[in-house]
């Protein structure tokens, strides 16, 4: 399912035209653009560029829809020519003007990506078999639709090759091995650098264009960027390679917000190849922040996606989202946190079902989820924001409706006694989250939002007490210490959200029966008749005993009825 409803321009709708003149026009456009890549004279380049307009680019794109013409786009010179068009048109405009605010640039970029994907599949020897489909193709079965779906599968395979130390750069023509030495460049490293910087400099409008218009399948391009980063790091030993890495990483993260489902998996795995820790705000401005937050909310609000949950794609996005919140966009934070918590529940329950007793994968997700939630309510970046009271109160409402306290309790209970470092880290994160969120909120507001959680809090604390005093706990100091730490954190939460006094009052309600055996000392007196609620008893037997042996208050008829029911 698409994550957005792209606007289709009149030229994009031309792609589906059945006009028989489209093919010759498209072939001429491919020839002109390819010629531009080989032309070194600036005046000749400019002259050729004037021949390339939006209808010509759209005609070239339409060649990708038919099996008989799609291979015309399997041309490295076409890719380089598209990049040259983007360079020339950008340089002719006064700065600062976004290339992606112009339809000709968007269409040219789309043609570049389409040609790149076709070339990649062709070099991976997958294109011919993919196109060997009997019978005519309908609109929904276009030749390029098959290419678009196949590229991410191959990208996943190539990422495995790279992680095992194999050579996957030959496909770009970068390999130094004799077996691939004669392969033409798809794009030179300098061209990749230019394209990366072009997208980076215009990343705000690039993302908006990906949302507002039919976006091309970019998993192949993101893979290309990741290999370029590796090239600059390992082969060139470029001292600026970390800057290049951070830019490629952020572009990949931005694309995860709008990628179609079949592109998302490979894109998330590509993002995972980067080892980067960001210490700066990542939004360009407030408008960019709002665009990113809205895209993330929309991405998750489509409901339960078993593949997205099982692959933990949210973990990739959570490395990005906490760093893009602008102070003026706080109105989106409650809904963003709601979707994050909901998806966190899905991942937790799914992982529990697959691996009873917890898993390393779940631990990693929980750590990232807690870190993201903490960062959202108490950002640590210089020049970031502080939550206002209105936002905090709305977030409290979200925590109630999405049962975050229950999720926290579930995580605490599942912590393993054998892992001291992990336990301390999780518990500190939980404590810091509630401290950051509740700071500056009045006791009255906190009690109003959380007073209804008292019974659940008692139930969970009782469960922790039972776990910490079981048979195994009596023989293991570390086991007892583990549940003591867990219970201490649970008590700290009650203290921070100011329900501890109410819990104490609730626990110490005394039974009014003079002959009560105090059989329920922890849960205390809880029973009362509808007509006699001013007195609390452990149960109806305690009440009837009190009426028979000393407590003579209340309506005699009602007292007699209760006595008869209790069978005392």
Protein backbone atom coordinates (compact mmCIF):
# COMPACT_ATOMS: atom_id res chain seq x y z
CA UNK A 1 0.00 0.00 0.00
CA UNK A 2 1.27 3.46 -0.81
CA UNK A 3 2.04 5.66 2.16
CA UNK A 4 0.89 8.79 0.40
CA UNK A 5 -1.46 9.99 -2.32
CA UNK A 6 0.87 11.50 -4.92
CA UNK A 7 -0.26 14.27 -7.18
CA UNK A 8 0.12 13.32 -10.84
CA UNK A 9 1.00 16.21 -13.15
CA UNK A 10 -0.26 16.47 -16.72
CA UNK A 11 3.16 15.41 -17.97
CA UNK A 12 3.26 12.41 -15.63
CA UNK A 13 -0.15 11.33 -16.89
CA UNK A 14 1.35 11.52 -20.38
CA UNK A 15 3.47 8.51 -19.40
CA UNK A 16 0.41 6.30 -19.81
CA UNK A 17 -0.52 7.71 -23.20
CA UNK A 18 -1.09 5.22 -26.00
CA UNK A 19 0.02 7.72 -28.66
CA UNK A 20 2.15 5.80 -31.23
CA UNK A 21 4.38 8.89 -31.65
CA UNK A 22 5.56 8.61 -28.05
CA UNK A 23 8.17 5.90 -28.78
CA UNK A 24 10.13 7.83 -31.46
CA UNK A 25 10.05 10.98 -29.32
CA UNK A 26 11.27 8.97 -26.33
CA UNK A 27 14.11 7.41 -28.30
CA UNK A 28 15.19 10.84 -29.57
CA UNK A 29 15.15 12.14 -25.98
CA UNK A 30 17.30 9.22 -24.80
CA UNK A 31 19.74 9.86 -27.65
CA UNK A 32 19.98 13.59 -26.89
CA UNK A 33 20.48 13.08 -23.15
CA UNK A 34 23.09 10.37 -23.75
CA UNK A 35 24.90 12.65 -26.20
CA UNK A 36 24.99 15.34 -23.52
CA UNK A 37 26.99 13.01 -21.26
CA UNK A 38 29.74 12.70 -23.87
CA UNK A 39 29.80 16.35 -24.92
CA UNK A 40 32.66 18.33 -23.40
CA UNK A 41 32.00 21.72 -24.99
CA UNK A 42 29.97 23.93 -22.58
CA UNK A 43 28.18 25.81 -25.37
CA UNK A 44 27.23 22.53 -27.06
CA UNK A 45 26.02 21.16 -23.71
CA UNK A 46 23.82 24.21 -23.25
CA UNK A 47 22.45 23.86 -26.78
CA UNK A 48 21.59 20.19 -26.22
CA UNK A 49 19.96 20.98 -22.88
CA UNK A 50 17.51 23.37 -24.55
CA UNK A 51 16.22 20.41 -26.60
CA UNK A 52 15.31 18.53 -23.42
CA UNK A 53 11.93 19.55 -22.06
CA UNK A 54 9.34 17.87 -19.84
CA UNK A 55 7.40 16.13 -22.67
CA UNK A 56 10.68 14.70 -24.00
CA UNK A 57 11.65 13.38 -20.56
CA UNK A 58 8.16 11.93 -20.09
CA UNK A 59 8.41 10.19 -23.47
CA UNK A 60 11.75 8.69 -22.45
CA UNK A 61 10.23 7.48 -19.18
CA UNK A 62 7.39 5.82 -21.06
CA UNK A 63 9.90 3.50 -22.74
CA UNK A 64 10.28 1.78 -19.36
CA UNK A 65 6.68 0.56 -19.43
CA UNK A 66 7.05 -1.80 -22.39
CA UNK A 67 9.16 -4.96 -22.54
CA UNK A 68 10.17 -4.18 -26.10
CA UNK A 69 11.60 -0.74 -25.26
CA UNK A 70 12.71 -0.86 -21.62
CA UNK A 71 16.26 -1.92 -22.51
CA UNK A 72 16.83 1.38 -24.30
CA UNK A 73 17.09 2.83 -20.80
CA UNK A 74 19.80 0.36 -19.69
CA UNK A 75 22.46 2.91 -20.55
CA UNK A 76 25.17 4.36 -18.26
CA UNK A 77 25.44 7.34 -20.62
CA UNK A 78 21.75 8.07 -20.07
CA UNK A 79 22.30 8.16 -16.29
CA UNK A 80 25.28 10.50 -16.68
CA UNK A 81 23.32 12.63 -19.16
CA UNK A 82 20.41 13.04 -16.73
CA UNK A 83 22.85 14.19 -14.08
CA UNK A 84 24.35 16.68 -16.56
CA UNK A 85 20.86 18.08 -17.24
CA UNK A 86 20.32 18.53 -13.49
CA UNK A 87 23.68 20.29 -13.19
CA UNK A 88 23.08 22.70 -16.06
CA UNK A 89 19.50 23.59 -15.16
CA UNK A 90 20.47 24.16 -11.52
CA UNK A 91 23.42 26.37 -12.45
CA UNK A 92 21.29 28.50 -14.78
CA UNK A 93 18.91 29.47 -11.98
CA UNK A 94 19.60 32.14 -9.36
CA UNK A 95 20.30 30.79 -5.87
CA UNK A 96 18.73 29.69 -3.66
CA UNK A 97 16.05 27.95 -5.71
CA UNK A 98 15.14 24.33 -5.04
CA UNK A 99 15.70 22.03 -8.02
CA UNK A 100 12.87 19.81 -6.77
CA UNK A 101 10.40 22.67 -6.88
CA UNK A 102 10.68 22.49 -10.69
CA UNK A 103 8.90 19.78 -12.64
CA UNK A 104 11.67 19.39 -15.19
CA UNK A 105 14.19 18.61 -12.43
CA UNK A 106 11.83 16.15 -10.73
CA UNK A 107 11.14 14.39 -14.03
CA UNK A 108 14.83 14.28 -14.95
CA UNK A 109 15.70 12.86 -11.51
CA UNK A 110 13.00 10.25 -11.95
CA UNK A 111 14.44 9.23 -15.33
CA UNK A 112 17.90 8.99 -13.77
CA UNK A 113 16.62 6.65 -11.05
CA UNK A 114 14.64 4.53 -13.52
CA UNK A 115 17.71 4.14 -15.75
CA UNK A 116 19.89 3.32 -12.73
CA UNK A 117 17.51 0.58 -11.56
CA UNK A 118 17.29 -0.96 -15.03
CA UNK A 119 21.08 -0.89 -15.40
CA UNK A 120 21.57 -2.50 -11.99
CA UNK A 121 19.22 -5.39 -12.78
CA UNK A 122 20.80 -5.81 -16.21
CA UNK A 123 24.29 -6.09 -14.70
CA UNK A 124 23.06 -8.45 -12.01
CA UNK A 125 21.73 -10.65 -14.88
CA UNK A 126 18.15 -10.41 -13.63
CA UNK A 127 16.56 -8.18 -16.26
CA UNK A 128 16.03 -10.70 -19.08
CA UNK A 129 14.42 -13.35 -16.89
CA UNK A 130 12.25 -10.69 -15.29
CA UNK A 131 10.90 -9.57 -18.65
CA UNK A 132 10.19 -13.11 -19.91
CA UNK A 133 6.52 -12.94 -19.00
CA UNK A 134 4.10 -14.51 -21.50
CA UNK A 135 1.29 -12.41 -22.91
CA UNK A 136 0.70 -8.66 -22.94
CA UNK A 137 1.26 -6.54 -19.83
CA UNK A 138 -1.54 -4.39 -18.45
CA UNK A 139 -1.07 -0.94 -16.91
CA UNK A 140 -0.53 -2.48 -13.48
CA UNK A 141 1.93 -5.02 -14.89
CA UNK A 142 4.25 -2.62 -16.70
CA UNK A 143 7.78 -3.77 -17.37
CA UNK A 144 9.25 -1.20 -15.01
CA UNK A 145 6.87 -2.19 -12.21
CA UNK A 146 8.57 -5.59 -12.23
CA UNK A 147 12.00 -3.92 -12.20
CA UNK A 148 10.96 -1.64 -9.35
CA UNK A 149 9.99 -4.62 -7.19
CA UNK A 150 13.06 -6.70 -8.06
CA UNK A 151 15.74 -4.11 -7.26
CA UNK A 152 15.27 -4.12 -3.46
CA UNK A 153 15.47 -7.93 -3.37
CA UNK A 154 18.82 -7.78 -5.13
CA UNK A 155 19.99 -4.91 -2.92
CA UNK A 156 19.37 -7.10 0.14
CA UNK A 157 21.53 -9.83 -1.43
CA UNK A 158 24.31 -7.36 -2.22
CA UNK A 159 24.25 -5.98 1.33
CA UNK A 160 24.89 -9.54 2.52
CA UNK A 161 27.82 -9.77 0.10
CA UNK A 162 29.26 -6.51 1.42
CA UNK A 163 28.83 -7.53 5.07
CA UNK A 164 30.80 -10.74 4.42
CA UNK A 165 33.65 -8.80 2.81
CA UNK A 166 32.75 -9.60 -0.80
CA UNK A 167 32.93 -7.30 -3.82
CA UNK A 168 29.58 -5.73 -4.65
CA UNK A 169 30.96 -2.49 -6.17
CA UNK A 170 31.71 -4.08 -9.54
CA UNK A 171 28.11 -3.40 -10.57
CA UNK A 172 28.88 0.34 -10.55
CA UNK A 173 32.04 -0.18 -12.61
CA UNK A 174 34.26 0.61 -9.62
CA UNK A 175 35.87 -2.80 -9.20
CA UNK A 176 39.63 -3.22 -9.65
CA UNK A 177 39.41 -6.99 -10.15
CA UNK A 178 40.39 -8.36 -13.57
CA UNK A 179 37.02 -10.08 -13.96
CA UNK A 180 35.12 -6.76 -14.01
CA UNK A 181 37.83 -4.32 -15.12
CA UNK A 182 36.25 -3.59 -18.52
CA UNK A 183 32.80 -2.75 -17.16
CA UNK A 184 31.74 0.82 -17.95
CA UNK A 185 31.02 3.21 -15.09
CA UNK A 186 27.37 3.62 -14.21
CA UNK A 187 28.36 6.83 -12.46
CA UNK A 188 31.81 8.02 -11.54
CA UNK A 189 32.51 8.67 -7.87
CA UNK A 190 32.63 12.40 -8.60
CA UNK A 191 29.18 12.19 -10.21
CA UNK A 192 27.84 10.29 -7.19
CA UNK A 193 29.32 12.98 -4.96
CA UNK A 194 27.55 15.69 -6.96
CA UNK A 195 24.22 13.85 -6.86
CA UNK A 196 24.52 13.20 -3.13
CA UNK A 197 25.25 16.87 -2.44
CA UNK A 198 22.44 17.97 -4.76
CA UNK A 199 19.91 15.95 -2.76
CA UNK A 200 21.47 16.97 0.54
CA UNK A 201 21.38 20.70 -0.20
CA UNK A 202 17.75 20.40 -1.30
CA UNK A 203 16.71 17.69 1.20
CA UNK A 204 13.76 19.67 2.52
CA UNK A 205 12.10 20.09 -0.89
CA UNK A 206 13.33 16.70 -2.08
CA UNK A 207 11.33 15.04 0.71
CA UNK A 208 8.30 17.21 -0.04
CA UNK A 209 8.54 16.21 -3.70
CA UNK A 210 8.72 12.52 -2.73
CA UNK A 211 5.53 13.00 -0.69
CA UNK A 212 3.57 15.19 -3.12
CA UNK A 213 4.44 13.48 -6.40
CA UNK A 214 4.77 9.88 -7.55
CA UNK A 215 8.22 9.07 -6.22
CA UNK A 216 10.61 6.67 -7.97
CA UNK A 217 11.94 3.52 -6.30
CA UNK A 218 15.09 4.71 -4.54
CA UNK A 219 16.44 1.62 -2.76
CA UNK A 220 19.01 1.17 -5.55
CA UNK A 221 20.15 4.79 -5.26
CA UNK A 222 20.43 4.56 -1.47
CA UNK A 223 22.53 1.41 -1.92
CA UNK A 224 24.76 3.33 -4.36
CA UNK A 225 25.25 6.09 -1.77
CA UNK A 226 26.19 3.56 0.93
CA UNK A 227 28.83 2.01 -1.31
CA UNK A 228 30.17 5.45 -2.20
CA UNK A 229 30.62 6.14 1.52
CA UNK A 230 32.55 2.87 1.87
CA UNK A 231 34.68 3.82 -1.14
CA UNK A 232 35.61 7.21 0.34
CA UNK A 233 36.40 5.61 3.69
CA UNK A 234 38.29 2.49 2.63
CA UNK A 235 39.82 3.28 -0.76
CA UNK A 236 40.29 7.04 -0.73
CA UNK A 237 40.85 7.43 3.02
CA UNK A 238 39.01 10.72 2.67
CA UNK A 239 39.32 12.70 5.94
CA UNK A 240 35.82 14.08 5.29
CA UNK A 241 34.24 10.65 4.85
CA UNK A 242 32.24 10.98 8.08
CA UNK A 243 30.51 14.10 6.72
CA UNK A 244 29.68 12.17 3.54
CA UNK A 245 28.42 9.26 5.66
CA UNK A 246 26.15 11.46 7.77
CA UNK A 247 24.60 13.05 4.69
CA UNK A 248 23.98 9.73 2.96
CA UNK A 249 22.57 8.30 6.19
CA UNK A 250 20.12 11.15 6.68
CA UNK A 251 18.92 10.98 3.07
CA UNK A 252 18.32 7.25 3.54
CA UNK A 253 16.41 7.88 6.78
CA UNK A 254 14.27 10.52 5.10
CA UNK A 255 13.40 8.09 2.34
CA UNK A 256 12.26 5.43 4.85
CA UNK A 257 9.37 7.76 5.74
CA UNK A 258 7.89 7.71 2.23
CA UNK A 259 9.23 4.53 0.61
CA UNK A 260 6.74 2.02 -0.73
CA UNK A 261 6.61 -1.22 1.23
CA UNK A 262 8.69 -3.21 -1.25
CA UNK A 263 11.41 -0.51 -1.13
CA UNK A 264 11.31 -0.05 2.63
CA UNK A 265 12.98 -3.29 3.70
CA UNK A 266 16.12 -2.79 1.60
CA UNK A 267 16.25 0.91 2.50
CA UNK A 268 16.13 0.15 6.23
CA UNK A 269 18.86 -2.46 5.86
CA UNK A 270 20.96 0.06 3.94
CA UNK A 271 20.46 2.59 6.76
CA UNK A 272 21.67 -0.07 9.20
CA UNK A 273 25.02 -0.25 7.41
CA UNK A 274 25.89 3.20 8.73
CA UNK A 275 27.39 3.55 12.19
CA UNK A 276 26.63 7.12 13.10
CA UNK A 277 25.59 8.89 16.28
CA UNK A 278 23.99 12.23 15.64
CA UNK A 279 24.45 15.12 18.07
CA UNK A 280 22.67 17.89 16.16
CA UNK A 281 19.15 18.82 15.12
CA UNK A 282 18.48 17.28 11.71
CA UNK A 283 15.60 19.43 10.47
CA UNK A 284 16.34 22.26 8.03
CA UNK A 285 13.69 24.51 9.58
CA UNK A 286 10.27 24.38 11.25
CA UNK A 287 8.53 23.52 7.97
CA UNK A 288 10.90 20.62 7.39
CA UNK A 289 10.29 19.39 10.94
CA UNK A 290 6.53 19.44 10.38
CA UNK A 291 6.88 17.56 7.09
CA UNK A 292 9.03 14.83 8.65
CA UNK A 293 6.84 14.42 11.75
CA UNK A 294 3.67 14.25 9.63
CA UNK A 295 5.24 11.67 7.31
CA UNK A 296 6.28 9.51 10.27
CA UNK A 297 2.80 9.69 11.81
CA UNK A 298 1.23 8.78 8.48
CA UNK A 299 3.70 5.93 7.94
CA UNK A 300 2.67 4.30 11.24
CA UNK A 301 -1.03 5.20 11.22
CA UNK A 302 -1.86 2.76 8.41
CA UNK A 303 -2.26 0.12 11.09
CA UNK A 304 -0.70 -3.24 11.80
CA UNK A 305 1.87 -4.29 9.21
CA UNK A 306 3.21 -7.72 10.12
CA UNK A 307 6.27 -7.38 7.87
CA UNK A 308 7.16 -3.94 9.15
CA UNK A 309 6.78 -5.17 12.73
CA UNK A 310 8.72 -8.41 12.28
CA UNK A 311 11.59 -6.62 10.54
CA UNK A 312 11.74 -3.88 13.21
CA UNK A 313 11.78 -1.15 10.56
CA UNK A 314 10.57 1.28 13.22
CA UNK A 315 13.95 1.01 14.93
CA UNK A 316 15.58 2.65 11.90
CA UNK A 317 13.14 5.57 11.93
CA UNK A 318 13.46 6.03 15.70
CA UNK A 319 17.13 6.90 15.22
CA UNK A 320 15.98 9.88 13.17
CA UNK A 321 12.67 11.17 14.52
CA UNK A 322 13.82 12.40 17.97
CA UNK A 323 16.34 14.71 16.27
CA UNK A 324 13.94 16.61 14.00
CA UNK A 325 11.37 18.13 16.38
CA UNK A 326 11.18 21.91 16.19
CA UNK A 327 9.75 23.86 19.11
CA UNK A 328 6.96 25.27 16.94
CA UNK A 329 5.83 21.73 16.00
CA UNK A 330 4.99 20.53 19.52
CA UNK A 331 1.34 20.20 18.54
CA UNK A 332 2.33 17.06 16.57
CA UNK A 333 4.28 15.46 19.43
CA UNK A 334 1.33 13.80 21.24
CA UNK A 335 0.21 11.99 18.08
CA UNK A 336 3.79 11.11 17.18
CA UNK A 337 4.29 9.58 20.63
CA UNK A 338 0.92 7.78 20.35
CA UNK A 339 1.95 6.06 17.12
CA UNK A 340 5.37 5.23 18.55
CA UNK A 341 3.83 3.58 21.63
CA UNK A 342 1.27 1.65 19.57
CA UNK A 343 3.93 0.29 17.27
CA UNK A 344 6.08 -0.48 20.30
CA UNK A 345 3.28 -2.65 21.69
CA UNK A 346 3.02 -4.49 18.35
CA UNK A 347 6.74 -5.19 18.21
CA UNK A 348 6.88 -6.28 21.85
CA UNK A 349 3.94 -8.69 21.61
CA UNK A 350 5.15 -10.07 18.27
CA UNK A 351 8.65 -10.70 19.59
CA UNK A 352 7.34 -12.27 22.81
CA UNK A 353 5.24 -14.66 20.77
CA UNK A 354 8.25 -15.73 18.71
CA UNK A 355 10.68 -16.16 21.60
CA UNK A 356 9.32 -17.01 25.03
CA UNK A 357 11.54 -15.51 27.68
CA UNK A 358 12.64 -12.51 25.64
CA UNK A 359 15.27 -12.03 22.96
CA UNK A 360 18.25 -9.88 22.16
CA UNK A 361 16.29 -8.34 19.31
CA UNK A 362 13.51 -7.29 21.68
CA UNK A 363 16.03 -5.89 24.17
CA UNK A 364 17.59 -3.77 21.42
CA UNK A 365 14.20 -2.49 20.31
CA UNK A 366 13.06 -1.66 23.84
CA UNK A 367 16.28 0.24 24.51
CA UNK A 368 15.83 2.29 21.34
CA UNK A 369 12.13 2.87 22.06
CA UNK A 370 12.87 4.09 25.57
CA UNK A 371 15.72 6.28 24.32
CA UNK A 372 13.50 7.81 21.64
CA UNK A 373 10.65 8.52 24.07
CA UNK A 374 13.10 10.05 26.54
CA UNK A 375 14.67 12.20 23.84
CA UNK A 376 11.26 13.40 22.65
CA UNK A 377 10.17 14.62 26.08
CA UNK A 378 13.60 15.82 27.23
CA UNK A 379 15.79 16.63 24.22
CA UNK A 380 19.49 16.94 24.96
CA UNK A 381 20.56 18.73 21.77
CA UNK A 382 21.92 22.26 22.05
CA UNK A 383 19.40 24.79 20.79
CA UNK A 384 16.52 22.32 20.93
CA UNK A 385 13.10 22.77 22.55
CA UNK A 386 11.41 22.49 25.94
CA UNK A 387 7.95 20.99 26.24
CA UNK A 388 5.24 23.45 27.21
CA UNK A 389 2.59 22.50 29.75
CA UNK A 390 -0.19 22.09 27.17
CA UNK A 391 1.88 19.56 25.23
CA UNK A 392 2.78 17.65 28.39
CA UNK A 393 -0.86 17.34 29.45
CA UNK A 394 -1.81 16.03 26.00
CA UNK A 395 1.04 13.52 26.20
CA UNK A 396 -0.31 12.37 29.61
CA UNK A 397 -3.64 11.67 27.90
CA UNK A 398 -1.79 9.62 25.27
CA UNK A 399 0.08 7.63 27.95
CA UNK A 400 -3.27 6.72 29.51
CA UNK A 401 -5.08 5.70 26.34
CA UNK A 402 -2.10 3.75 24.96
CA UNK A 403 -1.32 1.98 28.28
CA UNK A 404 2.32 3.05 28.41
CA UNK A 405 2.56 2.24 32.13
CA UNK A 406 1.44 -1.32 31.37
CA UNK A 407 4.09 -1.54 28.62
CA UNK A 408 6.74 -0.24 31.04
CA UNK A 409 5.64 -2.78 33.67
CA UNK A 410 5.82 -5.58 31.11
CA UNK A 411 9.35 -4.57 30.16
CA UNK A 412 10.50 -4.33 33.80
CA UNK A 413 9.07 -7.76 34.67
CA UNK A 414 10.77 -9.34 31.65
CA UNK A 415 14.23 -8.00 32.50
CA UNK A 416 16.66 -10.85 33.12
CA UNK A 417 18.28 -11.12 36.59
CA UNK A 418 21.53 -12.32 35.02
CA UNK A 419 22.16 -9.09 33.07
CA UNK A 420 23.06 -6.37 35.57
CA UNK A 421 24.29 -3.79 33.05
CA UNK A 422 21.21 -4.09 30.87
CA UNK A 423 18.91 -3.88 33.89
CA UNK A 424 20.51 -0.71 35.25
CA UNK A 425 20.41 0.93 31.82
CA UNK A 426 16.74 0.14 31.21
CA UNK A 427 15.64 1.23 34.68
CA UNK A 428 17.59 4.49 34.47
CA UNK A 429 16.00 5.26 31.09
CA UNK A 430 12.52 4.62 32.47
CA UNK A 431 13.18 6.80 35.51
CA UNK A 432 14.60 9.63 33.37
CA UNK A 433 11.62 9.52 30.99
CA UNK A 434 9.04 10.08 33.73
CA UNK A 435 11.19 12.70 35.44
CA UNK A 436 11.59 14.66 32.22
CA UNK A 437 7.91 14.46 31.35
CA UNK A 438 6.56 15.35 34.80
CA UNK A 439 8.98 18.18 35.52
CA UNK A 440 7.10 21.46 36.00
CA UNK A 441 3.65 19.83 36.17
CA UNK A 442 1.57 20.45 39.30
CA UNK A 443 0.77 17.61 41.69
CA UNK A 444 -2.91 18.18 41.05
CA UNK A 445 -2.55 17.65 37.30
CA UNK A 446 -0.40 14.54 37.77
CA UNK A 447 -2.80 12.99 40.26
CA UNK A 448 -5.74 13.80 38.01
CA UNK A 449 -4.15 11.88 35.13
CA UNK A 450 -2.74 8.89 37.03
CA UNK A 451 -4.92 8.34 40.12
CA UNK A 452 -6.90 5.67 38.29
CA UNK A 453 -3.79 3.52 37.94
CA UNK A 454 -3.50 2.71 41.66
CA UNK A 455 -5.05 -0.77 41.50
CA UNK A 456 -2.92 -1.74 38.49
CA UNK A 457 0.18 -0.38 40.22
CA UNK A 458 -0.57 -2.52 43.28
CA UNK A 459 -1.17 -5.61 41.17
CA UNK A 460 2.16 -5.21 39.38
CA UNK A 461 4.11 -4.42 42.55
CA UNK A 462 2.58 -7.52 44.15
CA UNK A 463 3.73 -9.57 41.17
CA UNK A 464 7.27 -8.20 41.52
CA UNK A 465 7.23 -8.97 45.26
CA UNK A 466 6.17 -12.54 44.51
CA UNK A 467 8.91 -12.97 41.90
CA UNK A 468 11.51 -11.57 44.28
CA UNK A 469 10.55 -13.86 47.13
CA UNK A 470 10.08 -17.13 45.23
CA UNK A 471 11.96 -20.33 45.86
CA UNK A 472 14.84 -19.47 43.56
CA UNK A 473 15.17 -15.99 45.08
CA UNK A 474 15.82 -17.38 48.56
CA UNK A 475 18.97 -19.09 47.27
CA UNK A 476 20.26 -16.26 45.04
CA UNK A 477 21.35 -12.84 46.27
CA UNK A 478 21.63 -11.48 42.71
CA UNK A 479 18.09 -12.67 41.96
CA UNK A 480 16.72 -10.85 45.00
CA UNK A 481 18.74 -7.74 44.15
CA UNK A 482 17.32 -7.78 40.63
CA UNK A 483 13.70 -7.67 41.76
CA UNK A 484 14.55 -5.17 44.49
CA UNK A 485 15.90 -2.82 41.79
CA UNK A 486 12.82 -3.42 39.64
CA UNK A 487 10.45 -2.74 42.53
CA UNK A 488 12.43 0.35 43.55
CA UNK A 489 12.00 1.75 40.03
CA UNK A 490 8.28 0.94 40.11
CA UNK A 491 8.01 2.83 43.42
CA UNK A 492 9.98 5.77 41.96
CA UNK A 493 7.49 5.97 39.09
CA UNK A 494 4.62 6.14 41.60
CA UNK A 495 6.47 8.90 43.44
CA UNK A 496 7.18 10.89 40.25
CA UNK A 497 3.58 10.74 39.04
CA UNK A 498 2.51 11.57 42.64
CA UNK A 499 0.22 8.60 43.21
CA UNK A 500 2.35 7.18 46.03
CA UNK A 501 0.45 9.04 48.81
CA UNK A 502 -2.85 7.78 47.40
CA UNK A 503 -1.42 4.26 47.24
CA UNK A 504 -0.37 4.50 50.90
CA UNK A 505 -3.83 5.68 51.91
CA UNK A 506 -5.42 2.92 49.89
CA UNK A 507 -3.20 0.23 51.40
CA UNK A 508 -3.88 1.30 54.98
CA UNK A 509 -7.68 1.39 54.90
CA UNK A 510 -8.71 -0.47 58.05
CA UNK A 511 -11.38 -3.14 58.21
CA UNK A 512 -14.29 -2.08 60.47
CA UNK A 513 -14.90 -5.60 61.73
CA UNK A 514 -13.72 -5.96 65.37
CA UNK A 515 -13.07 -9.67 64.75
CA UNK A 516 -11.23 -9.30 61.41
CA UNK A 517 -8.40 -11.81 61.06
CA UNK A 518 -6.44 -9.40 58.80
CA UNK A 519 -6.32 -12.03 56.11
CA UNK A 520 -5.73 -9.40 53.43
CA UNK A 521 -3.10 -7.07 54.90
CA UNK A 522 -1.62 -5.95 51.57
CA UNK A 523 -4.78 -5.23 49.64
CA UNK A 524 -6.55 -3.99 52.82
CA UNK A 525 -10.27 -3.47 53.35
CA UNK A 526 -12.16 -3.26 50.08
CA UNK A 527 -15.77 -4.38 50.61
CA UNK A 528 -18.83 -2.24 51.35
CA UNK A 529 -22.55 -2.44 50.60
CA UNK A 530 -24.10 0.05 48.25
CA UNK A 531 -26.24 1.49 51.06
CA UNK A 532 -23.46 1.41 53.61
CA UNK A 533 -20.32 2.60 51.83
CA UNK A 534 -18.96 4.68 54.70
CA UNK A 535 -17.59 1.49 56.34
CA UNK A 536 -15.02 -0.72 54.58
CA UNK A 537 -14.49 -4.42 55.22
CA UNK A 538 -12.28 -7.16 53.80
CA UNK A 539 -15.36 -8.92 52.41
CA UNK A 540 -19.05 -9.51 53.17
CA UNK A 541 -18.22 -12.04 55.89
CA UNK A 542 -16.23 -9.40 57.81
CA UNK A 543 -19.16 -7.03 57.43
CA UNK A 544 -21.73 -9.52 58.71
CA UNK A 545 -19.46 -10.51 61.59
CA UNK A 546 -19.13 -6.86 62.57
CA UNK A 547 -22.88 -6.36 62.54
CA UNK A 548 -23.44 -9.46 64.67
CA UNK A 549 -20.65 -8.82 67.18
CA UNK A 550 -20.44 -5.11 67.72
CA UNK A 551 -20.97 -2.78 64.77
CA UNK A 552 -24.64 -1.82 65.15
CA UNK A 553 -24.65 1.11 62.72
CA UNK A 554 -26.79 1.10 59.64
CA UNK A 555 -30.33 0.23 58.70
CA UNK A 556 -31.41 -2.94 60.58
CA UNK A 557 -33.36 -4.30 57.62
CA UNK A 558 -30.38 -3.94 55.31
CA UNK A 559 -28.10 -5.38 58.00
CA UNK A 560 -30.34 -8.43 58.42
CA UNK A 561 -30.41 -8.99 54.67
CA UNK A 562 -26.59 -8.93 54.45
CA UNK A 563 -26.33 -11.27 57.44
CA UNK A 564 -28.66 -13.75 55.81
CA UNK A 565 -26.72 -13.66 52.50
CA UNK A 566 -23.38 -14.25 54.21
CA UNK A 567 -24.61 -17.47 55.91
CA UNK A 568 -22.83 -16.56 59.15
